[in-house]
Amino acid sequence: MDLRINSTTTAPLAGAGLARRATGTEAPVGKEGFSSAFKNALQSVSQAQNQAADLQREVQLENPSVSLEQTMVAIQKAQIGFQATLHVRNRMVQAYSDIMNMQV
């Protein structure tokens, strides 16, 4: 699971002085938005948890083609992904509450 954000600009502050209001029609073609990226990340975490559960069940059934090491790695990957998702959720809730508490 790759959670890195790829930058498409060469200078990170190239457009720092040019503020524009987003209207929804100005979205660049071919780039995914935050909601679709977040949805894909959640699906990836869910898929990792399902794979870990399947491997764990196969080890319990003593399937010779599934190793304990492979199962433990899959479980750890699923746990790390879930913890990262939980941290993102907590940050989003905190940001929402900060915005709602701002005085206008």
Protein backbone atom coordinates (compact mmCIF):
# COMPACT_ATOMS: atom_id res chain seq x y z
CA MET A 1 0.00 0.00 0.00
CA ASP A 2 1.56 3.25 -1.12
CA LEU A 3 0.32 6.36 0.72
CA ARG A 4 2.83 8.81 -0.74
CA ILE A 5 1.60 11.95 -2.47
CA ASN A 6 3.22 12.46 -5.85
CA SER A 7 3.93 16.06 -6.78
CA THR A 8 3.45 17.00 -10.43
CA THR A 9 5.08 20.41 -10.19
CA THR A 10 8.82 21.01 -10.23
CA ALA A 11 8.70 24.01 -7.89
CA PRO A 12 6.53 23.38 -4.84
CA LEU A 13 5.62 27.07 -4.42
CA ALA A 14 5.30 27.96 -8.10
CA GLY A 15 1.73 29.21 -7.78
CA ALA A 16 1.89 30.51 -4.21
CA GLY A 17 0.85 34.05 -5.12
CA LEU A 18 -2.00 33.04 -7.40
CA ALA A 19 -5.08 32.28 -5.35
CA ARG A 20 -8.11 31.02 -7.26
CA ARG A 21 -11.54 30.04 -6.08
CA ALA A 22 -12.43 26.44 -6.90
CA THR A 23 -15.76 26.10 -8.67
CA GLY A 24 -15.70 22.39 -9.43
CA THR A 25 -15.47 22.96 -13.20
CA GLU A 26 -11.76 23.75 -13.02
CA ALA A 27 -10.68 20.24 -11.97
CA PRO A 28 -7.82 19.03 -14.14
CA VAL A 29 -8.62 16.09 -16.37
CA GLY A 30 -6.87 12.86 -15.39
CA LYS A 31 -6.23 13.78 -11.76
CA GLU A 32 -8.19 12.17 -9.01
CA GLY A 33 -9.68 14.23 -6.25
CA PHE A 34 -9.33 13.79 -2.52
CA SER A 35 -12.54 11.81 -2.16
CA SER A 36 -11.60 9.23 -4.78
CA ALA A 37 -8.04 8.93 -3.42
CA PHE A 38 -9.43 8.45 0.09
CA LYS A 39 -11.95 5.88 -1.18
CA ASN A 40 -9.19 3.96 -2.97
CA ALA A 41 -7.05 3.99 0.19
CA LEU A 42 -9.95 2.67 2.29
CA GLN A 43 -10.62 -0.08 -0.25
CA SER A 44 -6.95 -1.02 -0.21
CA VAL A 45 -6.94 -1.28 3.60
CA SER A 46 -10.13 -3.34 3.52
CA GLN A 47 -8.67 -5.65 0.90
CA ALA A 48 -5.49 -6.12 2.99
CA GLN A 49 -7.59 -7.00 6.05
CA ASN A 50 -9.65 -9.51 4.05
CA GLN A 51 -6.49 -11.10 2.63
CA ALA A 52 -4.98 -11.39 6.12
CA ALA A 53 -8.17 -12.98 7.44
CA ASP A 54 -8.22 -15.48 4.55
CA LEU A 55 -4.56 -16.42 5.12
CA GLN A 56 -5.17 -16.77 8.84
CA ARG A 57 -8.11 -19.10 8.19
CA GLU A 58 -5.98 -21.21 5.81
CA VAL A 59 -3.22 -21.54 8.43
CA GLN A 60 -5.79 -22.64 11.00
CA LEU A 61 -7.05 -25.26 8.54
CA GLU A 62 -3.42 -26.42 8.14
CA ASN A 63 -3.19 -25.69 4.43
CA PRO A 64 0.38 -26.67 3.42
CA SER A 65 0.56 -24.04 0.67
CA VAL A 66 0.21 -21.13 3.14
CA SER A 67 3.12 -20.37 5.43
CA LEU A 68 2.89 -18.87 8.89
CA GLU A 69 5.46 -16.21 7.94
CA GLN A 70 3.39 -15.10 4.95
CA THR A 71 0.31 -14.89 7.16
CA MET A 72 2.06 -12.85 9.85
CA VAL A 73 3.38 -10.37 7.27
CA ALA A 74 -0.11 -9.96 5.81
CA ILE A 75 -1.56 -9.39 9.29
CA GLN A 76 1.07 -6.75 10.07
CA LYS A 77 0.44 -4.97 6.76
CA ALA A 78 -3.28 -4.89 7.48
CA GLN A 79 -2.67 -3.59 11.00
CA ILE A 80 -0.36 -0.80 9.80
CA GLY A 81 -2.83 0.21 7.12
CA PHE A 82 -5.67 0.31 9.63
CA GLN A 83 -3.60 2.42 12.06
CA ALA A 84 -2.72 4.86 9.27
CA THR A 85 -6.39 5.11 8.30
CA LEU A 86 -7.33 5.73 11.92
CA HIS A 87 -4.76 8.53 12.20
CA VAL A 88 -6.07 10.16 9.01
CA ARG A 89 -9.62 9.96 10.33
CA ASN A 90 -8.59 11.53 13.64
CA ARG A 91 -6.79 14.35 11.83
CA MET A 92 -9.81 14.99 9.63
CA VAL A 93 -12.16 15.12 12.65
CA GLN A 94 -9.77 17.48 14.43
CA ALA A 95 -9.52 19.74 11.37
CA TYR A 96 -13.31 19.79 11.02
CA SER A 97 -13.79 20.73 14.66
CA ASP A 98 -11.09 23.43 14.37
CA ILE A 99 -12.86 24.93 11.35
CA MET A 100 -16.24 24.81 13.05
CA ASN A 101 -14.82 26.57 16.12
CA MET A 102 -13.33 29.44 14.08
CA GLN A 103 -14.86 32.82 14.59
CA VAL A 104 -16.04 34.54 11.43
